[in-house]
């Protein structure tokens, strides 16, 4: 009777250990998948944070002040990266891409 109880307790202990390992593994896979699925969102947030820091945009600034800084940055980009042979259409597309990156 005590021998049977000891075997049952050993089996339950082993089962609990296996279930714990399985649940920990499942949680690790879930965390990994969550990070991978949010990777793009996280990268975009980091990029926006960097650009805001780079441009000196603060949360307390008014929207017109933020827009003014962004437009000045766009003008600088257009002057720096738009040689004469590039058409206005291409410059506009580049700036639209940058504008989407910021927002």
PDB file of N, CA and C in Angstrom:
ATOM      1  N   UNK A   1       0.831  -1.188   0.000  1.00  0.00           N
ATOM      2  CA  UNK A   1       0.000   0.000   0.000  1.00  0.00           C
ATOM      3  C   UNK A   1       0.878   1.255   0.000  1.00  0.00           C
ATOM      4  N   UNK A   2       1.885   1.284   0.883  1.00  0.00           N
ATOM      5  CA  UNK A   2       2.796   2.425   0.894  1.00  0.00           C
ATOM      6  C   UNK A   2       3.664   2.451  -0.352  1.00  0.00           C
ATOM      7  N   UNK A   3       3.983   1.267  -0.853  1.00  0.00           N
ATOM      8  CA  UNK A   3       4.779   1.176  -2.075  1.00  0.00           C
ATOM      9  C   UNK A   3       3.986   1.727  -3.264  1.00  0.00           C
ATOM     10  N   UNK A   4       2.690   1.408  -3.316  1.00  0.00           N
ATOM     11  CA  UNK A   4       1.821   1.908  -4.388  1.00  0.00           C
ATOM     12  C   UNK A   4       1.691   3.430  -4.274  1.00  0.00           C
ATOM     13  N   UNK A   5       1.528   3.924  -3.039  1.00  0.00           N
ATOM     14  CA  UNK A   5       1.442   5.371  -2.814  1.00  0.00           C
ATOM     15  C   UNK A   5       2.714   6.067  -3.268  1.00  0.00           C
ATOM     16  N   UNK A   6       3.853   5.485  -2.970  1.00  0.00           N
ATOM     17  CA  UNK A   6       5.142   6.061  -3.360  1.00  0.00           C
ATOM     18  C   UNK A   6       5.273   6.099  -4.881  1.00  0.00           C
ATOM     19  N   UNK A   7       4.819   5.016  -5.560  1.00  0.00           N
ATOM     20  CA  UNK A   7       4.869   4.984  -7.028  1.00  0.00           C
ATOM     21  C   UNK A   7       3.945   6.046  -7.620  1.00  0.00           C
ATOM     22  N   UNK A   8       2.753   6.184  -7.016  1.00  0.00           N
ATOM     23  CA  UNK A   8       1.805   7.202  -7.503  1.00  0.00           C
ATOM     24  C   UNK A   8       2.398   8.593  -7.327  1.00  0.00           C
ATOM     25  N   UNK A   9       3.006   8.856  -6.163  1.00  0.00           N
ATOM     26  CA  UNK A   9       3.609  10.163  -5.898  1.00  0.00           C
ATOM     27  C   UNK A   9       4.772  10.435  -6.865  1.00  0.00           C
ATOM     28  N   UNK A  10       5.581   9.410  -7.122  1.00  0.00           N
ATOM     29  CA  UNK A  10       6.684   9.563  -8.077  1.00  0.00           C
ATOM     30  C   UNK A  10       6.158   9.872  -9.471  1.00  0.00           C
ATOM     31  N   UNK A  11       5.095   9.158  -9.865  1.00  0.00           N
ATOM     32  CA  UNK A  11       4.499   9.392 -11.181  1.00  0.00           C
ATOM     33  C   UNK A  11       3.926  10.801 -11.282  1.00  0.00           C
ATOM     34  N   UNK A  12       3.241  11.236 -10.237  1.00  0.00           N
ATOM     35  CA  UNK A  12       2.672  12.587 -10.237  1.00  0.00           C
ATOM     36  C   UNK A  12       3.767  13.655 -10.271  1.00  0.00           C
ATOM     37  N   UNK A  13       4.836  13.437  -9.534  1.00  0.00           N
ATOM     38  CA  UNK A  13       5.951  14.385  -9.526  1.00  0.00           C
ATOM     39  C   UNK A  13       6.586  14.478 -10.909  1.00  0.00           C
ATOM     40  N   UNK A  14       6.790  13.338 -11.531  1.00  0.00           N
ATOM     41  CA  UNK A  14       7.366  13.316 -12.883  1.00  0.00           C
ATOM     42  C   UNK A  14       6.426  13.990 -13.874  1.00  0.00           C
ATOM     43  N   UNK A  15       5.125  13.703 -13.757  1.00  0.00           N
ATOM     44  CA  UNK A  15       4.128  14.314 -14.643  1.00  0.00           C
ATOM     45  C   UNK A  15       4.113  15.830 -14.469  1.00  0.00           C
ATOM     46  N   UNK A  16       4.133  16.292 -13.213  1.00  0.00           N
ATOM     47  CA  UNK A  16       4.144  17.739 -12.952  1.00  0.00           C
ATOM     48  C   UNK A  16       5.381  18.395 -13.555  1.00  0.00           C
ATOM     49  N   UNK A  17       6.517  17.739 -13.469  1.00  0.00           N
ATOM     50  CA  UNK A  17       7.744  18.273 -14.060  1.00  0.00           C
ATOM     51  C   UNK A  17       7.643  18.377 -15.572  1.00  0.00           C
ATOM     52  N   UNK A  18       7.069  17.340 -16.197  1.00  0.00           N
ATOM     53  CA  UNK A  18       6.920  17.356 -17.646  1.00  0.00           C
ATOM     54  C   UNK A  18       5.938  18.435 -18.094  1.00  0.00           C
ATOM     55  N   UNK A  19       4.845  18.580 -17.350  1.00  0.00           N
ATOM     56  CA  UNK A  19       3.856  19.608 -17.685  1.00  0.00           C
ATOM     57  C   UNK A  19       4.475  20.994 -17.523  1.00  0.00           C
ATOM     58  N   UNK A  20       5.266  21.192 -16.476  1.00  0.00           N
ATOM     59  CA  UNK A  20       5.927  22.479 -16.259  1.00  0.00           C
ATOM     60  C   UNK A  20       6.869  22.801 -17.401  1.00  0.00           C
ATOM     61  N   UNK A  21       7.658  21.822 -17.817  1.00  0.00           N
ATOM     62  CA  UNK A  21       8.581  22.026 -18.939  1.00  0.00           C
ATOM     63  C   UNK A  21       7.800  22.342 -20.212  1.00  0.00           C
ATOM     64  N   UNK A  22       6.716  21.620 -20.454  1.00  0.00           N
ATOM     65  CA  UNK A  22       5.895  21.862 -21.637  1.00  0.00           C
ATOM     66  C   UNK A  22       5.313  23.270 -21.611  1.00  0.00           C
ATOM     67  N   UNK A  23       4.775  23.703 -20.474  1.00  0.00           N
ATOM     68  CA  UNK A  23       4.175  25.033 -20.381  1.00  0.00           C
ATOM     69  C   UNK A  23       5.217  26.135 -20.539  1.00  0.00           C
ATOM     70  N   UNK A  24       6.394  25.934 -19.972  1.00  0.00           N
ATOM     71  CA  UNK A  24       7.465  26.916 -20.145  1.00  0.00           C
ATOM     72  C   UNK A  24       7.896  27.010 -21.610  1.00  0.00           C
ATOM     73  N   UNK A  25       7.999  25.871 -22.261  1.00  0.00           N
ATOM     74  CA  UNK A  25       8.361  25.863 -23.686  1.00  0.00           C
ATOM     75  C   UNK A  25       7.287  26.546 -24.509  1.00  0.00           C
ATOM     76  N   UNK A  26       6.039  26.267 -24.211  1.00  0.00           N
ATOM     77  CA  UNK A  26       4.920  26.885 -24.923  1.00  0.00           C
ATOM     78  C   UNK A  26       4.944  28.398 -24.735  1.00  0.00           C
ATOM     79  N   UNK A  27       5.201  28.852 -23.520  1.00  0.00           N
ATOM     80  CA  UNK A  27       5.279  30.281 -23.248  1.00  0.00           C
ATOM     81  C   UNK A  27       6.433  30.920 -24.011  1.00  0.00           C
ATOM     82  N   UNK A  28       7.578  30.249 -24.063  1.00  0.00           N
ATOM     83  CA  UNK A  28       8.732  30.783 -24.795  1.00  0.00           C
ATOM     84  C   UNK A  28       8.420  30.916 -26.286  1.00  0.00           C
ATOM     85  N   UNK A  29       7.746  29.925 -26.841  1.00  0.00           N
ATOM     86  CA  UNK A  29       7.364  29.989 -28.261  1.00  0.00           C
ATOM     87  C   UNK A  29       6.380  31.134 -28.478  1.00  0.00           C
ATOM     88  N   UNK A  30       5.432  31.299 -27.569  1.00  0.00           N
ATOM     89  CA  UNK A  30       4.444  32.374 -27.679  1.00  0.00           C
ATOM     90  C   UNK A  30       5.140  33.740 -27.649  1.00  0.00           C
ATOM     91  N   UNK A  31       6.097  33.926 -26.740  1.00  0.00           N
ATOM     92  CA  UNK A  31       6.824  35.190 -26.647  1.00  0.00           C
ATOM     93  C   UNK A  31       7.609  35.443 -27.930  1.00  0.00           C
ATOM     94  N   UNK A  32       8.267  34.411 -28.441  1.00  0.00           N
ATOM     95  CA  UNK A  32       9.033  34.554 -29.672  1.00  0.00           C
ATOM     96  C   UNK A  32       8.136  34.951 -30.842  1.00  0.00           C
ATOM     97  N   UNK A  33       6.990  34.297 -30.970  1.00  0.00           N
ATOM     98  CA  UNK A  33       6.054  34.636 -32.047  1.00  0.00           C
ATOM     99  C   UNK A  33       5.502  36.053 -31.873  1.00  0.00           C
ATOM    100  N   UNK A  34       5.228  36.453 -30.649  1.00  0.00           N
ATOM    101  CA  UNK A  34       4.729  37.813 -30.396  1.00  0.00           C
ATOM    102  C   UNK A  34       5.777  38.845 -30.803  1.00  0.00           C
ATOM    103  N   UNK A  35       7.035  38.586 -30.463  1.00  0.00           N
ATOM    104  CA  UNK A  35       8.098  39.518 -30.845  1.00  0.00           C
ATOM    105  C   UNK A  35       8.265  39.593 -32.357  1.00  0.00           C
ATOM    106  N   UNK A  36       8.217  38.436 -33.009  1.00  0.00           N
ATOM    107  CA  UNK A  36       8.368  38.432 -34.462  1.00  0.00           C
ATOM    108  C   UNK A  36       7.204  39.129 -35.156  1.00  0.00           C
ATOM    109  N   UNK A  37       5.999  38.936 -34.649  1.00  0.00           N
ATOM    110  CA  UNK A  37       4.843  39.557 -35.295  1.00  0.00           C
ATOM    111  C   UNK A  37       4.801  41.060 -35.043  1.00  0.00           C
ATOM    112  N   UNK A  38       5.381  41.510 -33.931  1.00  0.00           N
ATOM    113  CA  UNK A  38       5.402  42.941 -33.630  1.00  0.00           C
ATOM    114  C   UNK A  38       6.691  43.612 -34.074  1.00  0.00           C
ATOM    115  N   UNK A  39       7.560  42.872 -34.716  1.00  0.00           N
ATOM    116  CA  UNK A  39       8.867  43.395 -35.101  1.00  0.00           C
ATOM    117  C   UNK A  39       8.747  44.652 -35.960  1.00  0.00           C
ATOM    118  N   UNK A  40       7.891  44.601 -36.949  1.00  0.00           N
ATOM    119  CA  UNK A  40       7.740  45.751 -37.843  1.00  0.00           C
ATOM    120  C   UNK A  40       7.198  46.969 -37.097  1.00  0.00           C
ATOM    121  N   UNK A  41       6.218  46.748 -36.230  1.00  0.00           N
ATOM    122  CA  UNK A  41       5.644  47.850 -35.451  1.00  0.00           C
ATOM    123  C   UNK A  41       6.699  48.445 -34.523  1.00  0.00           C
ATOM    124  N   UNK A  42       7.485  47.581 -33.908  1.00  0.00           N
ATOM    125  CA  UNK A  42       8.537  48.042 -32.999  1.00  0.00           C
ATOM    126  C   UNK A  42       9.593  48.830 -33.773  1.00  0.00           C
ATOM    127  N   UNK A  43       9.982  48.326 -34.936  1.00  0.00           N
ATOM    128  CA  UNK A  43      10.990  49.020 -35.736  1.00  0.00           C
ATOM    129  C   UNK A  43      10.480  50.383 -36.199  1.00  0.00           C
ATOM    130  N   UNK A  44       9.207  50.449 -36.606  1.00  0.00           N
ATOM    131  CA  UNK A  44       8.644  51.732 -37.025  1.00  0.00           C
ATOM    132  C   UNK A  44       8.585  52.717 -35.863  1.00  0.00           C
ATOM    133  N   UNK A  45       8.222  52.232 -34.698  1.00  0.00           N
ATOM    134  CA  UNK A  45       8.174  53.098 -33.521  1.00  0.00           C
ATOM    135  C   UNK A  45       9.577  53.617 -33.188  1.00  0.00           C
ATOM    136  N   UNK A  46      10.577  52.740 -33.281  1.00  0.00           N
ATOM    137  CA  UNK A  46      11.953  53.167 -33.029  1.00  0.00           C
ATOM    138  C   UNK A  46      12.405  54.201 -34.061  1.00  0.00           C
ATOM    139  N   UNK A  47      12.039  53.976 -35.309  1.00  0.00           N
ATOM    140  CA  UNK A  47      12.405  54.915 -36.372  1.00  0.00           C
ATOM    141  C   UNK A  47      11.757  56.278 -36.129  1.00  0.00           C
ATOM    142  N   UNK A  48      10.460  56.269 -35.780  1.00  0.00           N
ATOM    143  CA  UNK A  48       9.775  57.538 -35.490  1.00  0.00           C
ATOM    144  C   UNK A  48      10.416  58.245 -34.295  1.00  0.00           C
ATOM    145  N   UNK A  49      10.747  57.466 -33.269  1.00  0.00           N
ATOM    146  CA  UNK A  49      11.388  58.050 -32.087  1.00  0.00           C
ATOM    147  C   UNK A  49      12.721  58.686 -32.459  1.00  0.00           C
ATOM    148  N   UNK A  50      13.509  57.981 -33.262  1.00  0.00           N
ATOM    149  CA  UNK A  50      14.809  58.512 -33.685  1.00  0.00           C
ATOM    150  C   UNK A  50      14.632  59.801 -34.487  1.00  0.00           C
ATOM    151  N   UNK A  51      13.679  59.797 -35.439  1.00  0.00           N
ATOM    152  CA  UNK A  51      13.476  60.983 -36.268  1.00  0.00           C
ATOM    153  C   UNK A  51      12.995  62.166 -35.441  1.00  0.00           C
ATOM    154  N   UNK A  52      12.099  61.907 -34.495  1.00  0.00           N
ATOM    155  CA  UNK A  52      11.635  62.995 -33.630  1.00  0.00           C
ATOM    156  C   UNK A  52      12.800  63.560 -32.824  1.00  0.00           C
ATOM    157  N   UNK A  53      13.648  62.678 -32.328  1.00  0.00           N
ATOM    158  CA  UNK A  53      14.825  63.126 -31.577  1.00  0.00           C
ATOM    159  C   UNK A  53      15.780  63.885 -32.503  1.00  0.00           C
ATOM    160  N   UNK A  54      16.002  63.362 -33.689  1.00  0.00           N
ATOM    161  CA  UNK A  54      16.900  63.971 -34.658  1.00  0.00           C
ATOM    162  C   UNK A  54      16.415  65.364 -35.060  1.00  0.00           C
ATOM    163  N   UNK A  55      15.105  65.506 -35.254  1.00  0.00           N
ATOM    164  CA  UNK A  55      14.535  66.790 -35.666  1.00  0.00           C
ATOM    165  C   UNK A  55      14.272  67.720 -34.489  1.00  0.00           C
ATOM    166  N   UNK A  56      14.422  67.216 -33.269  1.00  0.00           N
ATOM    167  CA  UNK A  56      14.181  68.046 -32.086  1.00  0.00           C
ATOM    168  C   UNK A  56      12.710  68.288 -31.822  1.00  0.00           C
ATOM    169  N   UNK A  57      11.869  67.340 -32.219  1.00  0.00           N
ATOM    170  CA  UNK A  57      10.424  67.478 -32.006  1.00  0.00           C
ATOM    171  C   UNK A  57      10.086  66.957 -30.617  1.00  0.00           C
ATOM    172  N   UNK A  58       9.403  67.791 -29.847  1.00  0.00           N
ATOM    173  CA  UNK A  58       9.017  67.411 -28.493  1.00  0.00           C
ATOM    174  C   UNK A  58       7.502  67.283 -28.417  1.00  0.00           C
ATOM    175  N   UNK A  59       7.029  66.456 -27.494  1.00  0.00           N
ATOM    176  CA  UNK A  59       5.582  66.248 -27.348  1.00  0.00           C
ATOM    177  C   UNK A  59       4.857  67.539 -27.006  1.00  0.00           C
ATOM    178  N   UNK A  60       5.528  68.434 -26.281  1.00  0.00           N
ATOM    179  CA  UNK A  60       4.885  69.664 -25.833  1.00  0.00           C
ATOM    180  C   UNK A  60       4.748  70.702 -26.946  1.00  0.00           C
ATOM    181  N   UNK A  61       5.393  70.468 -28.095  1.00  0.00           N
ATOM    182  CA  UNK A  61       5.338  71.431 -29.196  1.00  0.00           C
ATOM    183  C   UNK A  61       3.956  71.418 -29.834  1.00  0.00           C
ATOM    184  N   UNK A  62       3.577  72.558 -30.368  1.00  0.00           N
ATOM    185  CA  UNK A  62       2.295  72.643 -31.082  1.00  0.00           C
ATOM    186  C   UNK A  62       2.422  71.933 -32.423  1.00  0.00           C
ATOM    187  N   UNK A  63       1.286  71.555 -32.984  1.00  0.00           N
ATOM    188  CA  UNK A  63       1.294  70.845 -34.266  1.00  0.00           C
ATOM    189  C   UNK A  63       1.882  71.705 -35.385  1.00  0.00           C
ATOM    190  N   UNK A  64       1.548  73.007 -35.466  1.00  0.00           N
ATOM    191  CA  UNK A  64       2.183  73.824 -36.523  1.00  0.00           C
ATOM    192  C   UNK A  64       3.707  73.883 -36.391  1.00  0.00           C
ATOM    193  N   UNK A  65       4.217  73.929 -35.165  1.00  0.00           N
ATOM    194  CA  UNK A  65       5.680  73.958 -34.975  1.00  0.00           C
ATOM    195  C   UNK A  65       6.295  72.642 -35.439  1.00  0.00           C
ATOM    196  N   UNK A  66       5.632  71.522 -35.134  1.00  0.00           N
ATOM    197  CA  UNK A  66       6.123  70.214 -35.589  1.00  0.00           C
ATOM    198  C   UNK A  66       6.126  70.155 -37.109  1.00  0.00           C
ATOM    199  N   UNK A  67       5.020  70.608 -37.710  1.00  0.00           N
ATOM    200  CA  UNK A  67       4.896  70.583 -39.173  1.00  0.00           C
ATOM    201  C   UNK A  67       5.972  71.450 -39.815  1.00  0.00           C
ATOM    202  N   UNK A  68       6.246  72.602 -39.219  1.00  0.00           N
ATOM    203  CA  UNK A  68       7.268  73.501 -39.755  1.00  0.00           C
ATOM    204  C   UNK A  68       8.637  72.824 -39.759  1.00  0.00           C
ATOM    205  N   UNK A  69       8.972  72.138 -38.679  1.00  0.00           N
ATOM    206  CA  UNK A  69      10.260  71.425 -38.606  1.00  0.00           C
ATOM    207  C   UNK A  69      10.337  70.316 -39.646  1.00  0.00           C
ATOM    208  N   UNK A  70       9.242  69.569 -39.789  1.00  0.00           N
ATOM    209  CA  UNK A  70       9.214  68.465 -40.754  1.00  0.00           C
ATOM    210  C   UNK A  70       9.359  68.998 -42.178  1.00  0.00           C
ATOM    211  N   UNK A  71       8.654  70.078 -42.501  1.00  0.00           N
ATOM    212  CA  UNK A  71       8.742  70.652 -43.849  1.00  0.00           C
ATOM    213  C   UNK A  71      10.148  71.181 -44.132  1.00  0.00           C
ATOM    214  N   UNK A  72      10.782  71.781 -43.118  1.00  0.00           N
ATOM    215  CA  UNK A  72      12.164  72.253 -43.309  1.00  0.00           C
ATOM    216  C   UNK A  72      13.086  71.063 -43.576  1.00  0.00           C
ATOM    217  N   UNK A  73      12.852  69.952 -42.876  1.00  0.00           N
ATOM    218  CA  UNK A  73      13.650  68.748 -43.084  1.00  0.00           C
ATOM    219  C   UNK A  73      13.444  68.211 -44.502  1.00  0.00           C
ATOM    220  N   UNK A  74      12.174  68.202 -44.963  1.00  0.00           N
ATOM    221  CA  UNK A  74      11.891  67.752 -46.335  1.00  0.00           C
ATOM    222  C   UNK A  74      12.607  68.633 -47.352  1.00  0.00           C
ATOM    223  N   UNK A  75      12.575  69.942 -47.150  1.00  0.00           N
ATOM    224  CA  UNK A  75      13.258  70.850 -48.081  1.00  0.00           C
ATOM    225  C   UNK A  75      14.755  70.560 -48.113  1.00  0.00           C
ATOM    226  N   UNK A  76      15.338  70.313 -46.934  1.00  0.00           N
ATOM    227  CA  UNK A  76      16.769  69.983 -46.881  1.00  0.00           C
ATOM    228  C   UNK A  76      17.066  68.697 -47.644  1.00  0.00           C
ATOM    229  N   UNK A  77      16.198  67.700 -47.481  1.00  0.00           N
ATOM    230  CA  UNK A  77      16.380  66.430 -48.196  1.00  0.00           C
ATOM    231  C   UNK A  77      16.294  66.666 -49.696  1.00  0.00           C
ATOM    232  N   UNK A  78      15.310  67.446 -50.134  1.00  0.00           N
ATOM    233  CA  UNK A  78      15.132  67.714 -51.564  1.00  0.00           C
ATOM    234  C   UNK A  78      16.355  68.438 -52.129  1.00  0.00           C
ATOM    235  N   UNK A  79      16.893  69.392 -51.374  1.00  0.00           N
ATOM    236  CA  UNK A  79      18.070  70.118 -51.850  1.00  0.00           C
ATOM    237  C   UNK A  79      19.304  69.224 -51.885  1.00  0.00           C
ATOM    238  N   UNK A  80      19.408  68.352 -50.900  1.00  0.00           N
ATOM    239  CA  UNK A  80      20.606  67.520 -50.789  1.00  0.00           C
ATOM    240  C   UNK A  80      20.597  66.343 -51.762  1.00  0.00           C
ATOM    241  N   UNK A  81      19.441  65.708 -51.955  1.00  0.00           N
ATOM    242  CA  UNK A  81      19.392  64.449 -52.711  1.00  0.00           C
ATOM    243  C   UNK A  81      18.720  64.559 -54.064  1.00  0.00           C
ATOM    244  N   UNK A  82      18.336  65.742 -54.477  1.00  0.00           N
ATOM    245  CA  UNK A  82      17.624  65.852 -55.743  1.00  0.00           C
ATOM    246  C   UNK A  82      18.456  66.621 -56.762  1.00  0.00           C
ATOM    247  N   UNK A  83      19.332  65.940 -57.493  1.00  0.00           N
ATOM    248  CA  UNK A  83      20.075  66.622 -58.549  1.00  0.00           C
ATOM    249  C   UNK A  83      19.123  67.088 -59.664  1.00  0.00           C
ATOM    250  N   UNK A  84      19.618  67.941 -60.507  1.00  0.00           N
ATOM    251  CA  UNK A  84      18.773  68.573 -61.527  1.00  0.00           C
ATOM    252  C   UNK A  84      18.098  67.568 -62.467  1.00  0.00           C
ATOM    253  N   UNK A  85      18.739  66.453 -62.745  1.00  0.00           N
ATOM    254  CA  UNK A  85      18.165  65.511 -63.715  1.00  0.00           C
ATOM    255  C   UNK A  85      17.004  64.700 -63.154  1.00  0.00           C
ATOM    256  N   UNK A  86      16.805  64.701 -61.832  1.00  0.00           N
ATOM    257  CA  UNK A  86      15.677  63.957 -61.253  1.00  0.00           C
ATOM    258  C   UNK A  86      14.435  64.829 -61.356  1.00  0.00           C
ATOM    259  N   UNK A  87      13.359  64.224 -61.793  1.00  0.00           N
ATOM    260  CA  UNK A  87      12.131  64.989 -61.982  1.00  0.00           C
ATOM    261  C   UNK A  87      11.447  65.272 -60.653  1.00  0.00           C
ATOM    262  N   UNK A  88      10.544  66.226 -60.674  1.00  0.00           N
ATOM    263  CA  UNK A  88       9.795  66.601 -59.470  1.00  0.00           C
ATOM    264  C   UNK A  88       8.938  65.434 -58.988  1.00  0.00           C
ATOM    265  N   UNK A  89       8.483  64.598 -59.898  1.00  0.00           N
ATOM    266  CA  UNK A  89       7.659  63.449 -59.521  1.00  0.00           C
ATOM    267  C   UNK A  89       8.437  62.488 -58.627  1.00  0.00           C
ATOM    268  N   UNK A  90       9.673  62.210 -58.974  1.00  0.00           N
ATOM    269  CA  UNK A  90      10.495  61.287 -58.180  1.00  0.00           C
ATOM    270  C   UNK A  90      10.777  61.892 -56.808  1.00  0.00           C
ATOM    271  N   UNK A  91      11.092  63.184 -56.776  1.00  0.00           N
ATOM    272  CA  UNK A  91      11.345  63.845 -55.498  1.00  0.00           C
ATOM    273  C   UNK A  91      10.097  63.774 -54.627  1.00  0.00           C
ATOM    274  N   UNK A  92       8.944  64.005 -55.226  1.00  0.00           N
ATOM    275  CA  UNK A  92       7.684  63.940 -54.479  1.00  0.00           C
ATOM    276  C   UNK A  92       7.455  62.549 -53.905  1.00  0.00           C
ATOM    277  N   UNK A  93       7.757  61.513 -54.663  1.00  0.00           N
ATOM    278  CA  UNK A  93       7.592  60.138 -54.173  1.00  0.00           C
ATOM    279  C   UNK A  93       8.541  59.851 -53.011  1.00  0.00           C
ATOM    280  N   UNK A  94       9.780  60.319 -53.111  1.00  0.00           N
ATOM    281  CA  UNK A  94      10.735  60.125 -52.022  1.00  0.00           C
ATOM    282  C   UNK A  94      10.248  60.821 -50.763  1.00  0.00           C
ATOM    283  N   UNK A  95       9.767  62.050 -50.920  1.00  0.00           N
ATOM    284  CA  UNK A  95       9.279  62.805 -49.760  1.00  0.00           C
ATOM    285  C   UNK A  95       8.023  62.180 -49.170  1.00  0.00           C
ATOM    286  N   UNK A  96       7.152  61.651 -50.016  1.00  0.00           N
ATOM    287  CA  UNK A  96       5.967  60.952 -49.500  1.00  0.00           C
ATOM    288  C   UNK A  96       6.366  59.738 -48.679  1.00  0.00           C
ATOM    289  N   UNK A  97       7.367  59.009 -49.143  1.00  0.00           N
ATOM    290  CA  UNK A  97       7.865  57.859 -48.380  1.00  0.00           C
ATOM    291  C   UNK A  97       8.427  58.293 -47.038  1.00  0.00           C
ATOM    292  N   UNK A  98       9.170  59.394 -47.035  1.00  0.00           N
ATOM    293  CA  UNK A  98       9.725  59.909 -45.774  1.00  0.00           C
ATOM    294  C   UNK A  98       8.604  60.384 -44.849  1.00  0.00           C
ATOM    295  N   UNK A  99       7.585  61.011 -45.439  1.00  0.00           N
ATOM    296  CA  UNK A  99       6.465  61.513 -44.636  1.00  0.00           C
ATOM    297  C   UNK A  99       5.733  60.346 -43.982  1.00  0.00           C
ATOM    298  N   UNK A 100       5.539  59.249 -44.716  1.00  0.00           N
ATOM    299  CA  UNK A 100       4.881  58.060 -44.144  1.00  0.00           C
ATOM    300  C   UNK A 100       5.737  57.444 -43.049  1.00  0.00           C
ATOM    301  N   UNK A 101       7.043  57.491 -43.228  1.00  0.00           N
ATOM    302  CA  UNK A 101       7.946  56.946 -42.210  1.00  0.00           C
ATOM    303  C   UNK A 101       7.798  57.722 -40.914  1.00  0.00           C
ATOM    304  N   UNK A 102       7.640  59.013 -41.014  1.00  0.00           N
ATOM    305  CA  UNK A 102       7.537  59.854 -39.825  1.00  0.00           C
ATOM    306  C   UNK A 102       6.206  59.669 -39.098  1.00  0.00           C
ATOM    307  N   UNK A 103       5.125  59.444 -39.855  1.00  0.00           N
ATOM    308  CA  UNK A 103       3.813  59.335 -39.192  1.00  0.00           C
ATOM    309  C   UNK A 103       3.467  57.927 -38.882  1.00  0.00           C
TER     310      UNK A 103
END
